Amino acid sequence: MINSIIEAISRAIRKEFGSRYTNYMEEVKQDLRKPCFFILCVNPTSKLFLRKRYLRTNQFCIQYFPESRNDKRRECNDTAERLMSCLKWISISGKPAIGTKMEYEIVDGILHFFVNYDMYVFEKSDPLPRMENLKEKIREKG
């Protein structure tokens, strides 16, 4: 499920920003091409809600590495505004999901944009084995 959400976030970002921006989903040790986005899930939780229904809370951090050397903060602020609008609604496996708890901060010239995609999921259960045939005899008492 988390990988599906990451892919949906990546599609929404690509639609808004175009193919000039690279979206990374795995750690890159070398050759990071700027401008780019790095998408990761930071704190997924699952809580039992009712019977086989679970509330999944998925917080994502989208890091943006700006291209500019002089106007990093300005570029990050503009990017954060665009992210707020393009990540409000995304499509996960054809179903709409709303982004909540959006916030951002700029640390050392890098934008850290946070968004939650929380949803209820149902646990599938294995079908119970069928009973074998039952035979019964009824007798009246005297």
N, C-alpha and C. Protein backbone atom coordinates (compact mmCIF):
# COMPACT_ATOMS: atom_id res chain seq x y z
N MET A 1 0.82 -1.18 0.00
CA MET A 1 0.00 0.00 0.00
C MET A 1 0.87 1.25 0.00
N ILE A 2 1.92 1.27 0.81
CA ILE A 2 2.77 2.45 0.89
C ILE A 2 3.45 2.73 -0.45
N ASN A 3 3.90 1.69 -1.12
CA ASN A 3 4.52 1.88 -2.44
C ASN A 3 3.52 2.45 -3.45
N SER A 4 2.26 2.03 -3.35
CA SER A 4 1.23 2.58 -4.24
C SER A 4 1.01 4.07 -3.98
N ILE A 5 1.05 4.45 -2.71
CA ILE A 5 0.88 5.87 -2.37
C ILE A 5 2.07 6.67 -2.87
N ILE A 6 3.28 6.14 -2.70
CA ILE A 6 4.48 6.84 -3.18
C ILE A 6 4.41 7.03 -4.69
N GLU A 7 3.98 6.01 -5.41
CA GLU A 7 3.85 6.13 -6.86
C GLU A 7 2.80 7.17 -7.24
N ALA A 8 1.69 7.22 -6.49
CA ALA A 8 0.65 8.21 -6.76
C ALA A 8 1.16 9.63 -6.49
N ILE A 9 1.94 9.80 -5.42
CA ILE A 9 2.54 11.11 -5.12
C ILE A 9 3.48 11.50 -6.24
N SER A 10 4.29 10.56 -6.69
CA SER A 10 5.24 10.83 -7.77
C SER A 10 4.52 11.24 -9.06
N ARG A 11 3.41 10.56 -9.39
CA ARG A 11 2.64 10.93 -10.58
C ARG A 11 2.07 12.35 -10.46
N ALA A 12 1.56 12.69 -9.28
CA ALA A 12 1.00 14.03 -9.07
C ALA A 12 2.08 15.10 -9.19
N ILE A 13 3.26 14.83 -8.65
CA ILE A 13 4.37 15.79 -8.74
C ILE A 13 4.82 15.93 -10.19
N ARG A 14 4.94 14.83 -10.90
CA ARG A 14 5.36 14.88 -12.31
C ARG A 14 4.35 15.66 -13.15
N LYS A 15 3.07 15.48 -12.85
CA LYS A 15 2.02 16.20 -13.59
C LYS A 15 2.13 17.71 -13.33
N GLU A 16 2.42 18.09 -12.10
CA GLU A 16 2.51 19.52 -11.74
C GLU A 16 3.81 20.15 -12.21
N PHE A 17 4.93 19.47 -12.04
CA PHE A 17 6.24 20.08 -12.27
C PHE A 17 6.89 19.67 -13.60
N GLY A 18 6.43 18.61 -14.20
CA GLY A 18 7.00 18.17 -15.47
C GLY A 18 8.13 17.18 -15.29
N SER A 19 8.67 16.74 -16.41
CA SER A 19 9.69 15.69 -16.38
C SER A 19 11.10 16.22 -16.13
N ARG A 20 11.25 17.54 -16.06
CA ARG A 20 12.57 18.11 -15.79
C ARG A 20 13.02 17.82 -14.36
N TYR A 21 12.05 17.61 -13.48
CA TYR A 21 12.34 17.32 -12.07
C TYR A 21 12.38 15.81 -11.88
N THR A 22 13.41 15.31 -11.24
CA THR A 22 13.56 13.88 -10.98
C THR A 22 12.91 13.55 -9.64
N ASN A 23 12.18 12.42 -9.60
CA ASN A 23 11.58 11.94 -8.36
C ASN A 23 12.34 10.69 -7.90
N TYR A 24 12.92 10.76 -6.71
CA TYR A 24 13.64 9.62 -6.15
C TYR A 24 12.79 8.99 -5.06
N MET A 25 12.82 7.66 -5.02
CA MET A 25 12.10 6.94 -3.98
C MET A 25 13.04 6.11 -3.12
N GLU A 26 14.26 6.00 -3.55
CA GLU A 26 15.29 5.28 -2.80
C GLU A 26 16.44 6.24 -2.50
N GLU A 27 17.24 5.91 -1.51
CA GLU A 27 18.36 6.76 -1.13
C GLU A 27 19.37 6.85 -2.27
N VAL A 28 19.84 8.07 -2.51
CA VAL A 28 20.82 8.31 -3.56
C VAL A 28 22.10 8.79 -2.89
N LYS A 29 23.17 8.05 -3.03
CA LYS A 29 24.42 8.42 -2.37
C LYS A 29 25.25 9.38 -3.21
N GLN A 30 25.15 9.25 -4.54
CA GLN A 30 25.93 10.10 -5.43
C GLN A 30 25.08 10.49 -6.64
N ASP A 31 25.53 11.52 -7.33
CA ASP A 31 24.91 11.95 -8.58
C ASP A 31 23.45 12.35 -8.43
N LEU A 32 23.14 13.12 -7.40
CA LEU A 32 21.79 13.64 -7.22
C LEU A 32 21.60 14.79 -8.20
N ARG A 33 20.66 14.66 -9.12
CA ARG A 33 20.43 15.69 -10.13
C ARG A 33 19.39 16.68 -9.63
N LYS A 34 19.78 17.92 -9.45
CA LYS A 34 18.88 18.96 -8.97
C LYS A 34 18.27 19.70 -10.16
N PRO A 35 17.08 20.17 -10.07
CA PRO A 35 16.11 20.08 -8.97
C PRO A 35 15.49 18.69 -8.93
N CYS A 36 15.19 18.23 -7.71
CA CYS A 36 14.61 16.89 -7.59
C CYS A 36 13.80 16.77 -6.30
N PHE A 37 12.99 15.73 -6.27
CA PHE A 37 12.18 15.40 -5.11
C PHE A 37 12.60 14.04 -4.59
N PHE A 38 12.55 13.88 -3.28
CA PHE A 38 12.83 12.60 -2.64
C PHE A 38 11.60 12.28 -1.78
N ILE A 39 10.92 11.16 -2.06
CA ILE A 39 9.65 10.83 -1.41
C ILE A 39 9.87 9.65 -0.48
N LEU A 40 9.47 9.81 0.80
CA LEU A 40 9.58 8.70 1.74
C LEU A 40 8.46 8.73 2.75
N CYS A 41 8.10 7.56 3.23
CA CYS A 41 7.10 7.42 4.28
C CYS A 41 7.85 7.39 5.60
N VAL A 42 7.51 8.32 6.52
CA VAL A 42 8.31 8.44 7.73
C VAL A 42 7.73 7.74 8.94
N ASN A 43 6.41 7.63 9.04
CA ASN A 43 5.88 7.07 10.27
C ASN A 43 4.52 6.40 10.03
N PRO A 44 4.51 5.24 9.37
CA PRO A 44 3.22 4.59 9.15
C PRO A 44 2.73 3.89 10.42
N THR A 45 1.44 3.98 10.69
CA THR A 45 0.85 3.29 11.83
C THR A 45 -0.42 2.57 11.39
N SER A 46 -0.79 1.57 12.13
CA SER A 46 -2.02 0.82 11.87
C SER A 46 -2.68 0.56 13.22
N LYS A 47 -3.93 1.01 13.36
CA LYS A 47 -4.65 0.82 14.62
C LYS A 47 -5.98 0.14 14.34
N LEU A 48 -6.29 -0.85 15.16
CA LEU A 48 -7.57 -1.54 15.03
C LEU A 48 -8.68 -0.55 15.33
N PHE A 49 -9.65 -0.48 14.42
CA PHE A 49 -10.75 0.46 14.60
C PHE A 49 -12.02 -0.27 15.02
N LEU A 50 -12.41 -1.25 14.23
CA LEU A 50 -13.63 -1.98 14.53
C LEU A 50 -13.55 -3.33 13.84
N ARG A 51 -13.59 -4.38 14.61
CA ARG A 51 -13.49 -5.74 14.11
C ARG A 51 -12.29 -5.92 13.18
N LYS A 52 -12.54 -6.01 11.88
CA LYS A 52 -11.45 -6.22 10.93
C LYS A 52 -11.13 -4.95 10.16
N ARG A 53 -11.50 -3.83 10.70
CA ARG A 53 -11.27 -2.53 10.06
C ARG A 53 -10.13 -1.83 10.80
N TYR A 54 -9.13 -1.37 10.03
CA TYR A 54 -7.96 -0.73 10.61
C TYR A 54 -7.82 0.69 10.05
N LEU A 55 -7.37 1.60 10.89
CA LEU A 55 -7.04 2.95 10.45
C LEU A 55 -5.55 2.99 10.20
N ARG A 56 -5.17 3.23 8.96
CA ARG A 56 -3.76 3.35 8.60
C ARG A 56 -3.43 4.83 8.46
N THR A 57 -2.46 5.27 9.24
CA THR A 57 -1.98 6.64 9.18
C THR A 57 -0.62 6.61 8.51
N ASN A 58 -0.52 7.28 7.37
CA ASN A 58 0.72 7.27 6.59
C ASN A 58 1.22 8.70 6.42
N GLN A 59 2.29 9.04 7.12
CA GLN A 59 2.88 10.37 6.98
C GLN A 59 4.04 10.27 5.99
N PHE A 60 4.01 11.18 5.02
CA PHE A 60 5.06 11.21 4.00
C PHE A 60 5.82 12.51 4.09
N CYS A 61 7.11 12.41 3.80
CA CYS A 61 7.97 13.59 3.71
C CYS A 61 8.47 13.65 2.28
N ILE A 62 8.20 14.77 1.64
CA ILE A 62 8.71 15.00 0.29
C ILE A 62 9.79 16.06 0.43
N GLN A 63 11.02 15.68 0.17
CA GLN A 63 12.13 16.62 0.24
C GLN A 63 12.37 17.18 -1.15
N TYR A 64 12.59 18.48 -1.19
CA TYR A 64 12.87 19.13 -2.47
C TYR A 64 14.26 19.75 -2.40
N PHE A 65 15.10 19.40 -3.35
CA PHE A 65 16.44 19.95 -3.45
C PHE A 65 16.43 20.98 -4.58
N PRO A 66 16.51 22.27 -4.24
CA PRO A 66 16.36 23.32 -5.25
C PRO A 66 17.55 23.42 -6.20
N GLU A 67 17.26 23.99 -7.35
CA GLU A 67 18.28 24.18 -8.37
C GLU A 67 19.10 25.44 -8.10
N SER A 68 18.45 26.46 -7.60
CA SER A 68 19.08 27.76 -7.38
C SER A 68 20.12 27.71 -6.26
N ARG A 69 21.17 28.47 -6.42
CA ARG A 69 22.17 28.58 -5.36
C ARG A 69 21.95 29.82 -4.50
N ASN A 70 21.38 30.86 -5.09
CA ASN A 70 21.21 32.13 -4.38
C ASN A 70 19.83 32.31 -3.77
N ASP A 71 18.78 31.83 -4.45
CA ASP A 71 17.40 32.04 -3.98
C ASP A 71 16.75 30.74 -3.54
N LYS A 72 17.45 29.96 -2.74
CA LYS A 72 16.93 28.66 -2.32
C LYS A 72 15.62 28.78 -1.56
N ARG A 73 15.57 29.71 -0.61
CA ARG A 73 14.37 29.86 0.22
C ARG A 73 13.17 30.27 -0.63
N ARG A 74 13.35 31.18 -1.55
CA ARG A 74 12.27 31.62 -2.43
C ARG A 74 11.78 30.46 -3.28
N GLU A 75 12.70 29.71 -3.86
CA GLU A 75 12.34 28.57 -4.69
C GLU A 75 11.61 27.50 -3.87
N CYS A 76 12.07 27.27 -2.64
CA CYS A 76 11.42 26.29 -1.77
C CYS A 76 10.00 26.73 -1.39
N ASN A 77 9.82 28.00 -1.09
CA ASN A 77 8.48 28.51 -0.76
C ASN A 77 7.52 28.36 -1.93
N ASP A 78 7.97 28.69 -3.13
CA ASP A 78 7.13 28.54 -4.33
C ASP A 78 6.78 27.07 -4.56
N THR A 79 7.76 26.20 -4.38
CA THR A 79 7.54 24.77 -4.58
C THR A 79 6.55 24.23 -3.55
N ALA A 80 6.65 24.68 -2.30
CA ALA A 80 5.74 24.22 -1.24
C ALA A 80 4.30 24.60 -1.57
N GLU A 81 4.09 25.80 -2.09
CA GLU A 81 2.74 26.22 -2.47
C GLU A 81 2.18 25.33 -3.57
N ARG A 82 3.00 25.01 -4.55
CA ARG A 82 2.56 24.14 -5.63
C ARG A 82 2.29 22.72 -5.14
N LEU A 83 3.11 22.24 -4.20
CA LEU A 83 2.90 20.91 -3.63
C LEU A 83 1.58 20.85 -2.86
N MET A 84 1.24 21.92 -2.15
CA MET A 84 -0.01 21.92 -1.40
C MET A 84 -1.21 21.75 -2.31
N SER A 85 -1.16 22.37 -3.47
CA SER A 85 -2.30 22.24 -4.38
C SER A 85 -2.29 20.91 -5.13
N CYS A 86 -1.14 20.43 -5.57
CA CYS A 86 -1.13 19.20 -6.38
C CYS A 86 -1.26 17.93 -5.54
N LEU A 87 -0.99 17.99 -4.24
CA LEU A 87 -1.08 16.80 -3.39
C LEU A 87 -2.34 16.77 -2.54
N LYS A 88 -3.23 17.75 -2.75
CA LYS A 88 -4.48 17.76 -1.99
C LYS A 88 -5.30 16.51 -2.30
N TRP A 89 -5.40 16.16 -3.57
CA TRP A 89 -6.08 14.94 -3.99
C TRP A 89 -5.15 14.16 -4.91
N ILE A 90 -4.95 12.89 -4.62
CA ILE A 90 -4.19 12.01 -5.51
C ILE A 90 -5.04 10.78 -5.79
N SER A 91 -4.64 10.03 -6.79
CA SER A 91 -5.37 8.82 -7.16
C SER A 91 -4.49 7.61 -6.87
N ILE A 92 -4.94 6.77 -5.94
CA ILE A 92 -4.21 5.56 -5.55
C ILE A 92 -4.97 4.37 -6.10
N SER A 93 -4.39 3.70 -7.08
CA SER A 93 -5.02 2.55 -7.74
C SER A 93 -6.43 2.90 -8.23
N GLY A 94 -6.57 4.11 -8.77
CA GLY A 94 -7.85 4.54 -9.33
C GLY A 94 -8.84 5.09 -8.32
N LYS A 95 -8.47 5.13 -7.05
CA LYS A 95 -9.37 5.64 -6.01
C LYS A 95 -8.81 6.94 -5.46
N PRO A 96 -9.66 7.95 -5.25
CA PRO A 96 -9.16 9.24 -4.75
C PRO A 96 -8.78 9.16 -3.27
N ALA A 97 -7.73 9.90 -2.91
CA ALA A 97 -7.29 10.00 -1.52
C ALA A 97 -6.94 11.46 -1.26
N ILE A 98 -7.31 11.94 -0.09
CA ILE A 98 -7.07 13.34 0.26
C ILE A 98 -5.85 13.45 1.16
N GLY A 99 -5.03 14.45 0.88
CA GLY A 99 -3.86 14.73 1.70
C GLY A 99 -4.24 15.65 2.84
N THR A 100 -3.84 15.29 4.05
CA THR A 100 -4.18 16.10 5.23
C THR A 100 -2.90 16.44 5.99
N LYS A 101 -3.04 17.31 6.95
CA LYS A 101 -1.95 17.72 7.85
C LYS A 101 -0.72 18.18 7.07
N MET A 102 -0.95 18.98 6.03
CA MET A 102 0.16 19.46 5.21
C MET A 102 0.90 20.56 5.96
N GLU A 103 2.22 20.43 5.98
CA GLU A 103 3.07 21.45 6.58
C GLU A 103 4.45 21.31 5.96
N TYR A 104 5.25 22.37 6.08
CA TYR A 104 6.60 22.29 5.53
C TYR A 104 7.54 23.14 6.34
N GLU A 105 8.82 22.80 6.17
CA GLU A 105 9.89 23.58 6.77
C GLU A 105 11.08 23.54 5.82
N ILE A 106 11.90 24.56 5.92
CA ILE A 106 13.10 24.64 5.09
C ILE A 106 14.30 24.55 6.02
N VAL A 107 15.09 23.51 5.84
CA VAL A 107 16.25 23.28 6.69
C VAL A 107 17.48 23.16 5.79
N ASP A 108 18.47 24.00 6.04
CA ASP A 108 19.72 23.98 5.27
C ASP A 108 19.48 24.08 3.76
N GLY A 109 18.51 24.88 3.38
CA GLY A 109 18.23 25.09 1.96
C GLY A 109 17.48 23.96 1.29
N ILE A 110 16.93 23.02 2.06
CA ILE A 110 16.17 21.90 1.52
C ILE A 110 14.76 21.96 2.08
N LEU A 111 13.77 21.84 1.20
CA LEU A 111 12.37 21.85 1.61
C LEU A 111 11.98 20.48 2.12
N HIS A 112 11.33 20.44 3.29
CA HIS A 112 10.77 19.21 3.86
C HIS A 112 9.27 19.43 3.94
N PHE A 113 8.53 18.80 3.04
CA PHE A 113 7.09 18.96 2.94
C PHE A 113 6.43 17.69 3.49
N PHE A 114 5.54 17.84 4.47
CA PHE A 114 4.89 16.70 5.11
C PHE A 114 3.41 16.66 4.74
N VAL A 115 2.92 15.46 4.47
CA VAL A 115 1.51 15.26 4.15
C VAL A 115 1.10 13.87 4.62
N ASN A 116 -0.13 13.76 5.11
CA ASN A 116 -0.66 12.47 5.54
C ASN A 116 -1.70 11.97 4.55
N TYR A 117 -1.66 10.68 4.30
CA TYR A 117 -2.72 10.00 3.56
C TYR A 117 -3.22 8.88 4.46
N ASP A 118 -4.30 9.19 5.20
CA ASP A 118 -4.86 8.25 6.16
C ASP A 118 -6.07 7.57 5.53
N MET A 119 -6.22 6.28 5.80
CA MET A 119 -7.34 5.55 5.21
C MET A 119 -7.69 4.34 6.05
N TYR A 120 -8.91 3.90 5.88
CA TYR A 120 -9.36 2.68 6.53
C TYR A 120 -9.14 1.51 5.57
N VAL A 121 -8.68 0.41 6.12
CA VAL A 121 -8.50 -0.80 5.33
C VAL A 121 -9.20 -1.95 6.05
N PHE A 122 -9.63 -2.91 5.28
CA PHE A 122 -10.29 -4.08 5.82
C PHE A 122 -9.36 -5.28 5.70
N GLU A 123 -9.29 -6.04 6.75
CA GLU A 123 -8.47 -7.24 6.73
C GLU A 123 -9.31 -8.36 6.12
N LYS A 124 -8.77 -8.98 5.11
CA LYS A 124 -9.48 -10.10 4.50
C LYS A 124 -9.29 -11.32 5.39
N SER A 125 -10.36 -12.04 5.57
CA SER A 125 -10.25 -13.25 6.37
C SER A 125 -10.36 -14.47 5.47
N ASP A 126 -9.76 -15.52 5.91
CA ASP A 126 -9.86 -16.77 5.17
C ASP A 126 -11.27 -17.31 5.35
N PRO A 127 -11.85 -17.84 4.30
CA PRO A 127 -13.20 -18.39 4.47
C PRO A 127 -13.17 -19.57 5.42
N LEU A 128 -14.19 -19.65 6.22
CA LEU A 128 -14.28 -20.75 7.18
C LEU A 128 -14.55 -22.05 6.45
N PRO A 129 -14.01 -23.14 6.94
CA PRO A 129 -14.29 -24.41 6.28
C PRO A 129 -15.77 -24.76 6.44
N ARG A 130 -16.32 -25.33 5.41
CA ARG A 130 -17.72 -25.72 5.45
C ARG A 130 -17.89 -26.94 6.35
N MET A 131 -19.06 -26.99 6.96
CA MET A 131 -19.38 -28.17 7.77
C MET A 131 -19.65 -29.35 6.86
N GLU A 132 -19.36 -30.49 7.37
CA GLU A 132 -19.73 -31.69 6.64
C GLU A 132 -21.23 -31.89 6.81
N ASN A 133 -21.78 -32.85 6.11
CA ASN A 133 -23.20 -33.13 6.24
C ASN A 133 -23.52 -33.56 7.65
N LEU A 134 -24.63 -33.10 8.14
CA LEU A 134 -25.06 -33.42 9.50
C LEU A 134 -26.31 -34.26 9.41
N LYS A 135 -26.31 -35.36 10.08
CA LYS A 135 -27.49 -36.22 10.13
C LYS A 135 -28.07 -36.15 11.53
N GLU A 136 -29.38 -36.11 11.56
CA GLU A 136 -30.02 -36.06 12.88
C GLU A 136 -31.21 -37.00 12.90
N LYS A 137 -31.47 -37.47 14.05
CA LYS A 137 -32.63 -38.34 14.29
C LYS A 137 -33.43 -37.73 15.41
N ILE A 138 -34.72 -37.69 15.20
CA ILE A 138 -35.62 -37.13 16.22
C ILE A 138 -36.53 -38.23 16.71
N ARG A 139 -36.63 -38.35 18.02
CA ARG A 139 -37.51 -39.34 18.63
C ARG A 139 -38.41 -38.64 19.63
N GLU A 140 -39.61 -39.13 19.68
CA GLU A 140 -40.53 -38.61 20.69
C GLU A 140 -40.39 -39.44 21.93
N LYS A 141 -40.55 -38.78 23.04
CA LYS A 141 -40.56 -39.51 24.28
C LYS A 141 -41.98 -40.00 24.53
N GLY A 142 -42.06 -41.19 24.91
CA GLY A 142 -43.21 -41.97 25.20
C GLY A 142 -44.48 -41.42 25.40
